Amino acid sequence: MKIRRIAAYRVELPLHEGSYKWSGGKSVAVFDSTLVAVESDTGLVGWGEVCPLGPAYLPAYAEGVRAGLAVLAPHLIGEDPRALDRLNRRMDAAMKGHPYVKSGIDVACWDLLGQAAGLPVATLLGGRYGEDFVLYRAISQEAPEEMARRVAGYRAEGYRRFQLKVGGAPEVDVERIRAVRAVLEDSDVLVADANTGWLMHEAARVVRAVRDVDVYVEQPCASYEECLSIRRRTDHPFVLDETIDGVGVLLRAAEDRAMDVVNLKIGKLGGLTRTRQARDLCVSLGVAMTIEDTWGGDVATAAIAHLAHSTPPELLFTATDFNSYVTVSTADGAPQRRNGRMAAPDRPGLGIRMRAEVLGKPVVDVS
């Protein structure tokens, strides 16, 4: 099997809630997603998706995905899409860095491998655990009472884990955390995610002020060293996210005992191949994980589902269902949330069928 064509499609994904807000006044109303098709000489087509959370979140942006694909794709024509480690080395040789550009191709090749083998991607990633897995719901940054209202509503839909967007004024964030915790049961999980939004003195104020609250603290500051400083000032369970961009820093964080949970984003790490490596390392180290991506729709959600469903449940802290946040469906057969939980499709590959009427014409087309 050889790659004979790589194409990319731009799809807009509006949000049900109108906008998504996080630290620093950043917000997105419509996500700019790139769907990547890798076509083989056998006629099989695999799909991936790359959807950065705007250009001000991580060093990644939507137009960069497509520009990068136009540069990278010619180097991959004629390669075997099933030889995933070799393909990733080929991508790294052709383009230094820019892992988010490579992610869509890598995921599409996993989809192709599963279709060719007649197996779900979850089976290829190590095997499926149980019937489903737990999800979290991210709560956009609003006034404390509005965030508490949204959490109560999503709890009624079955969610039991919530990621609260903080990273604003410390005194308001303390109110947000307390207001939301007050509408939850003791068994529910609350994560206060600052998305790098606090300076160290602000983070120190917040963790001290909520010392008596059952809450996880996630990525309070911009740098690894700043986060480690706050980690050492609090006994709250601690989550790292934005600063974890490869196995090197993951190993360092494990050695420093810098976290209890780590968020693994497929696009940030460069695809399922590299995220699987990080996942398996976390399993060996005994570090719990959230399996997710920067954002996306049905294709990204399917990739998340297969990796999450093949992760040992005792080490899967949670995962996310991005396709439930947006108003546009790009694929039939994508996994759907049910009572705050989700299952990976059991069909070959990612187990999805793209909706041609949503895709339009390719914006990148290399053969």
Protein backbone atom coordinates (compact mmCIF):
# COMPACT_ATOMS: atom_id res chain seq x y z
CA MET A 1 0.00 0.00 0.00
CA LYS A 2 1.30 3.45 -0.96
CA ILE A 3 0.11 7.01 -0.42
CA ARG A 4 -1.05 8.47 -3.73
CA ARG A 5 -2.86 11.64 -2.60
CA ILE A 6 -3.11 13.95 0.41
CA ALA A 7 -5.88 16.52 0.53
CA ALA A 8 -7.07 19.00 3.15
CA TYR A 9 -10.48 20.60 3.65
CA ARG A 10 -11.36 23.67 5.70
CA VAL A 11 -14.53 23.39 7.80
CA GLU A 12 -15.93 25.94 10.23
CA LEU A 13 -17.25 24.61 13.54
CA PRO A 14 -19.54 27.08 15.37
CA LEU A 15 -20.16 26.52 19.08
CA HIS A 16 -23.53 25.67 20.60
CA GLU A 17 -22.88 28.12 23.42
CA GLY A 18 -21.88 30.94 21.07
CA SER A 19 -18.32 31.36 22.31
CA TYR A 20 -15.63 29.68 24.39
CA LYS A 21 -13.63 31.91 26.76
CA TRP A 22 -10.53 31.26 28.80
CA SER A 23 -7.71 33.15 30.54
CA GLY A 24 -6.37 36.46 29.31
CA GLY A 25 -9.62 37.48 27.65
CA LYS A 26 -9.10 34.95 24.84
CA SER A 27 -12.16 33.53 23.13
CA VAL A 28 -13.30 31.66 20.03
CA ALA A 29 -16.79 31.63 18.49
CA VAL A 30 -16.15 29.56 15.36
CA PHE A 31 -13.35 27.00 15.19
CA ASP A 32 -11.34 26.76 11.98
CA SER A 33 -10.72 23.04 11.48
CA THR A 34 -8.67 21.24 8.85
CA LEU A 35 -9.75 17.75 7.81
CA VAL A 36 -6.95 15.73 6.25
CA ALA A 37 -7.54 12.89 3.77
CA VAL A 38 -4.76 10.41 2.98
CA GLU A 39 -5.67 8.28 -0.03
CA SER A 40 -3.87 5.03 -0.79
CA ASP A 41 -3.30 3.28 -4.10
CA THR A 42 -5.77 0.58 -2.96
CA GLY A 43 -8.62 3.12 -2.89
CA LEU A 44 -8.84 3.27 0.91
CA VAL A 45 -8.93 6.77 2.43
CA GLY A 46 -7.95 7.65 5.99
CA TRP A 47 -8.97 10.82 7.81
CA GLY A 48 -7.43 13.08 10.43
CA GLU A 49 -8.31 16.46 11.89
CA VAL A 50 -6.31 19.40 13.21
CA CYS A 51 -8.13 22.24 14.97
CA PRO A 52 -5.98 24.70 16.95
CA LEU A 53 -7.68 26.66 19.71
CA GLY A 54 -7.05 29.94 17.88
CA PRO A 55 -3.57 31.38 17.24
CA ALA A 56 -3.05 32.76 20.78
CA TYR A 57 -3.24 29.48 22.72
CA LEU A 58 -0.34 27.28 21.58
CA PRO A 59 2.31 27.81 18.85
CA ALA A 60 -0.15 26.55 16.22
CA TYR A 61 -2.74 28.23 14.00
CA ALA A 62 -5.30 27.07 11.46
CA GLU A 63 -3.76 28.64 8.36
CA GLY A 64 -0.41 27.16 9.41
CA VAL A 65 -1.88 23.65 9.28
CA ARG A 66 -2.79 24.04 5.63
CA ALA A 67 0.36 25.89 4.62
CA GLY A 68 2.45 23.22 6.32
CA LEU A 69 0.54 20.39 4.66
CA ALA A 70 1.21 21.88 1.22
CA VAL A 71 4.95 21.80 2.01
CA LEU A 72 5.00 18.41 3.74
CA ALA A 73 2.65 16.32 1.59
CA PRO A 74 4.88 16.02 -1.53
CA HIS A 75 7.53 14.27 0.59
CA LEU A 76 5.05 11.53 1.58
CA ILE A 77 3.64 10.48 -1.80
CA GLY A 78 4.68 6.87 -2.42
CA GLU A 79 5.27 6.11 1.27
CA ASP A 80 3.54 3.18 3.00
CA PRO A 81 0.89 4.73 5.32
CA ARG A 82 0.90 1.61 7.50
CA ALA A 83 4.57 2.02 8.45
CA LEU A 84 3.77 4.67 11.03
CA ASP A 85 7.09 5.00 12.85
CA ARG A 86 8.93 5.21 9.54
CA LEU A 87 6.39 7.72 8.22
CA ASN A 88 6.86 9.95 11.28
CA ARG A 89 10.62 9.89 10.80
CA ARG A 90 10.06 10.86 7.18
CA MET A 91 7.86 13.78 8.23
CA ASP A 92 10.42 14.94 10.79
CA ALA A 93 13.19 14.81 8.18
CA ALA A 94 11.11 16.81 5.71
CA MET A 95 9.88 19.43 8.23
CA LYS A 96 11.55 20.35 11.50
CA GLY A 97 9.10 20.97 14.31
CA HIS A 98 5.46 21.94 13.66
CA PRO A 99 4.03 18.74 15.17
CA TYR A 100 0.46 20.00 14.81
CA VAL A 101 0.88 20.05 11.01
CA LYS A 102 1.89 16.38 11.06
CA SER A 103 -0.87 15.27 13.40
CA GLY A 104 -3.67 15.06 10.81
CA ILE A 105 -1.56 12.92 8.48
CA ASP A 106 -0.53 10.59 11.29
CA VAL A 107 -4.12 10.09 12.49
CA ALA A 108 -5.31 9.52 8.92
CA CYS A 109 -2.67 6.82 8.49
CA TRP A 110 -3.84 5.08 11.68
CA ASP A 111 -7.33 5.15 10.16
CA LEU A 112 -5.91 3.59 6.98
CA LEU A 113 -4.01 0.94 8.94
CA GLY A 114 -7.16 -0.04 10.81
CA GLN A 115 -9.19 -0.25 7.61
CA ALA A 116 -6.51 -2.37 5.91
CA ALA A 117 -6.27 -4.69 8.92
CA GLY A 118 -10.03 -4.83 9.47
CA LEU A 119 -9.55 -3.68 13.08
CA PRO A 120 -10.59 -0.63 15.12
CA VAL A 121 -7.78 1.78 15.91
CA ALA A 122 -8.35 1.12 19.64
CA THR A 123 -7.35 -2.52 19.08
CA LEU A 124 -4.19 -1.43 17.27
CA LEU A 125 -3.36 1.00 20.09
CA GLY A 126 -3.30 -1.80 22.64
CA GLY A 127 -6.84 -3.10 23.09
CA ARG A 128 -10.17 -1.86 24.35
CA TYR A 129 -10.90 -1.63 28.10
CA GLY A 130 -14.51 -1.96 29.25
CA GLU A 131 -17.66 -0.70 27.59
CA ASP A 132 -16.96 3.05 27.72
CA PHE A 133 -14.94 5.72 29.51
CA VAL A 134 -15.56 8.89 31.51
CA LEU A 135 -15.73 12.39 29.99
CA TYR A 136 -15.22 15.85 31.39
CA ARG A 137 -17.01 19.05 30.44
CA ALA A 138 -15.06 22.28 29.96
CA ILE A 139 -16.87 25.34 31.33
CA SER A 140 -16.16 28.60 29.53
CA GLN A 141 -15.04 31.52 31.70
CA GLU A 142 -18.01 33.60 32.88
CA ALA A 143 -19.26 35.18 36.08
CA PRO A 144 -19.20 32.73 39.02
CA GLU A 145 -22.97 32.27 39.20
CA GLU A 146 -23.23 31.66 35.44
CA MET A 147 -20.49 29.02 35.55
CA ALA A 148 -22.24 27.32 38.46
CA ARG A 149 -25.50 27.34 36.50
CA ARG A 150 -23.83 25.74 33.47
CA VAL A 151 -22.17 23.07 35.61
CA ALA A 152 -25.51 22.19 37.19
CA GLY A 153 -27.05 21.88 33.74
CA TYR A 154 -24.30 19.63 32.40
CA ARG A 155 -24.40 17.56 35.56
CA ALA A 156 -28.08 16.90 34.83
CA GLU A 157 -26.95 15.55 31.44
CA GLY A 158 -24.68 12.98 33.10
CA TYR A 159 -21.29 14.64 33.41
CA ARG A 160 -19.50 14.17 36.71
CA ARG A 161 -16.13 15.79 35.88
CA PHE A 162 -15.75 19.48 35.12
CA GLN A 163 -12.88 21.63 33.93
CA LEU A 164 -13.51 25.20 35.08
CA LYS A 165 -11.83 27.96 33.06
CA VAL A 166 -10.16 30.31 35.51
CA GLY A 167 -6.90 32.29 35.14
CA GLY A 168 -8.50 35.69 35.70
CA ALA A 169 -8.51 37.98 38.72
CA PRO A 170 -7.62 35.82 41.74
CA GLU A 171 -10.51 37.02 43.91
CA VAL A 172 -13.04 36.28 41.13
CA ASP A 173 -11.48 32.90 40.42
CA VAL A 174 -11.84 31.96 44.09
CA GLU A 175 -15.54 32.82 43.80
CA ARG A 176 -15.81 30.74 40.62
CA ILE A 177 -14.26 27.70 42.26
CA ARG A 178 -16.39 27.95 45.40
CA ALA A 179 -19.63 28.62 43.50
CA VAL A 180 -19.16 25.61 41.25
CA ARG A 181 -18.02 23.26 43.99
CA ALA A 182 -21.18 24.17 45.92
CA VAL A 183 -23.45 22.69 43.21
CA LEU A 184 -21.50 19.41 42.98
CA GLU A 185 -21.65 16.19 44.95
CA ASP A 186 -18.68 14.93 46.92
CA SER A 187 -17.99 12.25 44.30
CA ASP A 188 -17.83 14.77 41.44
CA VAL A 189 -14.45 15.98 40.18
CA LEU A 190 -13.66 19.68 39.73
CA VAL A 191 -10.56 20.98 37.95
CA ALA A 192 -9.64 24.69 38.05
CA ASP A 193 -7.79 25.24 34.77
CA ALA A 194 -5.94 28.55 34.53
CA ASN A 195 -4.52 27.80 31.05
CA THR A 196 -1.25 29.56 32.07
CA GLY A 197 -3.23 32.67 33.03
CA TRP A 198 -1.91 33.44 36.52
CA LEU A 199 1.36 34.98 37.57
CA MET A 200 2.99 33.10 40.43
CA HIS A 201 1.81 35.49 43.13
CA GLU A 202 -1.76 35.25 41.79
CA ALA A 203 -1.68 31.45 41.67
CA ALA A 204 -0.29 31.38 45.21
CA ARG A 205 -3.19 33.53 46.42
CA VAL A 206 -5.78 31.30 44.78
CA VAL A 207 -4.45 27.95 46.02
CA ARG A 208 -4.18 29.37 49.55
CA ALA A 209 -7.71 30.79 49.42
CA VAL A 210 -9.27 27.48 48.31
CA ARG A 211 -7.19 25.29 50.59
CA ASP A 212 -10.38 23.81 52.08
CA VAL A 213 -12.01 23.07 48.67
CA ASP A 214 -11.85 19.71 46.88
CA VAL A 215 -10.38 20.88 43.57
CA TYR A 216 -7.57 20.00 41.17
CA VAL A 217 -5.29 22.84 40.04
CA GLU A 218 -4.34 22.80 36.35
CA GLN A 219 -1.52 24.66 34.58
CA PRO A 220 -1.59 27.79 36.75
CA CYS A 221 1.34 29.59 35.10
CA ALA A 222 3.07 29.89 31.74
CA SER A 223 6.34 28.05 32.38
CA TYR A 224 7.13 24.63 33.76
CA GLU A 225 9.30 26.15 36.50
CA GLU A 226 6.55 28.52 37.64
CA CYS A 227 4.04 25.68 37.78
CA LEU A 228 6.48 23.56 39.77
CA SER A 229 6.86 26.40 42.27
CA ILE A 230 3.09 26.51 42.81
CA ARG A 231 2.91 22.71 42.96
CA ARG A 232 5.32 22.85 45.90
CA ARG A 233 3.15 25.41 47.73
CA THR A 234 -0.11 23.44 47.68
CA ASP A 235 -1.42 20.01 48.57
CA HIS A 236 -4.15 20.16 45.88
CA PRO A 237 -3.87 17.50 43.17
CA PHE A 238 -1.98 19.07 40.26
CA VAL A 239 -2.43 18.84 36.49
CA LEU A 240 0.03 19.90 33.79
CA ASP A 241 -1.05 20.61 30.22
CA GLU A 242 0.39 23.38 28.02
CA THR A 243 4.02 22.84 29.11
CA ILE A 244 3.95 19.12 28.24
CA ASP A 245 4.94 18.95 24.57
CA GLY A 246 6.99 15.75 24.40
CA VAL A 247 8.44 12.83 26.31
CA GLY A 248 11.47 14.83 27.47
CA VAL A 249 9.51 17.26 29.62
CA LEU A 250 7.15 14.45 30.61
CA LEU A 251 10.09 12.51 32.06
CA ARG A 252 11.34 15.64 33.80
CA ALA A 253 7.92 16.29 35.32
CA ALA A 254 7.70 12.73 36.55
CA GLU A 255 11.16 12.99 38.14
CA ASP A 256 10.27 16.31 39.79
CA ARG A 257 6.90 14.99 40.98
CA ALA A 258 5.49 18.07 39.26
CA MET A 259 2.04 16.64 38.58
CA ASP A 260 -0.53 14.04 39.55
CA VAL A 261 -2.29 14.15 36.17
CA VAL A 262 -1.10 15.13 32.70
CA ASN A 263 -3.18 16.24 29.73
CA LEU A 264 -2.09 14.64 26.46
CA LYS A 265 -3.24 16.56 23.38
CA ILE A 266 -2.98 14.58 20.15
CA GLY A 267 -2.40 17.60 17.90
CA LYS A 268 0.17 19.22 20.18
CA LEU A 269 2.25 16.03 20.35
CA GLY A 270 2.06 15.35 16.60
CA GLY A 271 -0.56 12.62 16.20
CA LEU A 272 -1.57 9.28 17.64
CA THR A 273 1.89 7.74 17.19
CA ARG A 274 3.63 10.22 19.46
CA THR A 275 0.70 10.52 21.87
CA ARG A 276 0.58 6.75 22.20
CA GLN A 277 4.28 6.83 23.15
CA ALA A 278 3.55 9.44 25.83
CA ARG A 279 0.50 7.48 27.00
CA ASP A 280 2.47 4.27 27.35
CA LEU A 281 5.22 6.09 29.21
CA CYS A 282 2.62 7.47 31.63
CA VAL A 283 1.27 3.95 32.15
CA SER A 284 4.77 2.77 33.06
CA LEU A 285 5.29 5.74 35.38
CA GLY A 286 1.85 5.44 37.00
CA VAL A 287 0.77 8.96 35.98
CA ALA A 288 -2.94 9.50 35.34
CA MET A 289 -3.95 11.10 32.03
CA THR A 290 -6.58 13.16 30.32
CA ILE A 291 -6.74 12.16 26.64
CA GLU A 292 -7.81 15.04 24.41
CA ASP A 293 -6.79 17.46 21.66
CA THR A 294 -6.70 21.23 21.22
CA TRP A 295 -10.19 21.13 19.66
CA GLY A 296 -12.08 19.59 16.73
CA GLY A 297 -15.24 17.85 15.60
CA ASP A 298 -16.18 14.28 14.75
CA VAL A 299 -12.80 13.12 13.44
CA ALA A 300 -10.78 14.51 16.35
CA THR A 301 -13.33 13.08 18.79
CA ALA A 302 -13.03 9.64 17.17
CA ALA A 303 -9.23 9.72 17.48
CA ILE A 304 -9.51 10.75 21.14
CA ALA A 305 -12.03 7.98 21.77
CA HIS A 306 -9.82 5.23 20.35
CA LEU A 307 -6.79 6.33 22.38
CA ALA A 308 -8.84 6.81 25.56
CA HIS A 309 -10.65 3.49 25.21
CA SER A 310 -7.30 1.69 24.86
CA THR A 311 -5.89 3.33 28.00
CA PRO A 312 -6.05 1.37 31.29
CA PRO A 313 -9.07 2.81 33.13
CA GLU A 314 -7.24 3.24 36.43
CA LEU A 315 -4.86 5.65 34.65
CA LEU A 316 -7.44 7.39 32.47
CA PHE A 317 -8.41 10.45 34.51
CA THR A 318 -10.84 11.54 31.81
CA ALA A 319 -11.27 12.41 28.10
CA THR A 320 -13.32 14.84 26.05
CA ASP A 321 -16.06 14.80 23.42
CA PHE A 322 -15.43 17.92 21.34
CA ASN A 323 -18.08 17.06 18.76
CA SER A 324 -20.80 17.74 21.34
CA TYR A 325 -19.64 21.36 21.71
CA VAL A 326 -20.06 22.29 18.04
CA THR A 327 -23.07 22.62 15.71
CA VAL A 328 -21.61 21.00 12.58
CA SER A 329 -21.19 17.24 12.11
CA THR A 330 -18.53 16.21 9.59
CA ALA A 331 -18.83 12.42 9.82
CA ASP A 332 -21.42 9.71 10.39
CA GLY A 333 -20.67 7.00 12.94
CA ALA A 334 -18.57 9.26 15.19
CA PRO A 335 -18.69 8.49 18.92
CA GLN A 336 -21.36 10.31 20.92
CA ARG A 337 -21.61 11.09 24.63
CA ARG A 338 -24.13 9.19 26.73
CA ASN A 339 -24.60 10.17 30.36
CA GLY A 340 -21.18 11.76 30.57
CA ARG A 341 -19.42 8.77 29.03
CA MET A 342 -18.35 7.70 25.55
CA ALA A 343 -17.17 4.62 23.62
CA ALA A 344 -14.89 4.28 20.62
CA PRO A 345 -16.50 2.90 17.44
CA ASP A 346 -15.95 -0.83 16.96
CA ARG A 347 -15.72 -0.62 13.16
CA PRO A 348 -12.34 -0.81 11.33
CA GLY A 349 -10.09 2.22 11.48
CA LEU A 350 -11.59 5.25 13.19
CA GLY A 351 -15.00 3.79 12.30
CA ILE A 352 -16.40 6.96 10.72
CA ARG A 353 -17.81 7.91 7.30
CA MET A 354 -17.17 11.45 6.12
CA ARG A 355 -20.05 13.63 5.00
CA ALA A 356 -19.05 14.88 1.57
CA GLU A 357 -21.62 17.68 1.57
CA VAL A 358 -19.84 19.33 4.52
CA LEU A 359 -16.34 19.14 3.10
CA GLY A 360 -16.59 21.21 -0.06
CA LYS A 361 -13.54 21.46 -2.31
CA PRO A 362 -10.02 20.72 -1.02
CA VAL A 363 -7.84 23.68 -0.10
CA VAL A 364 -4.71 21.52 -0.37
CA ASP A 365 -4.47 18.71 -2.93
CA VAL A 366 -1.18 16.89 -3.54
CA SER A 367 -0.75 13.71 -5.56
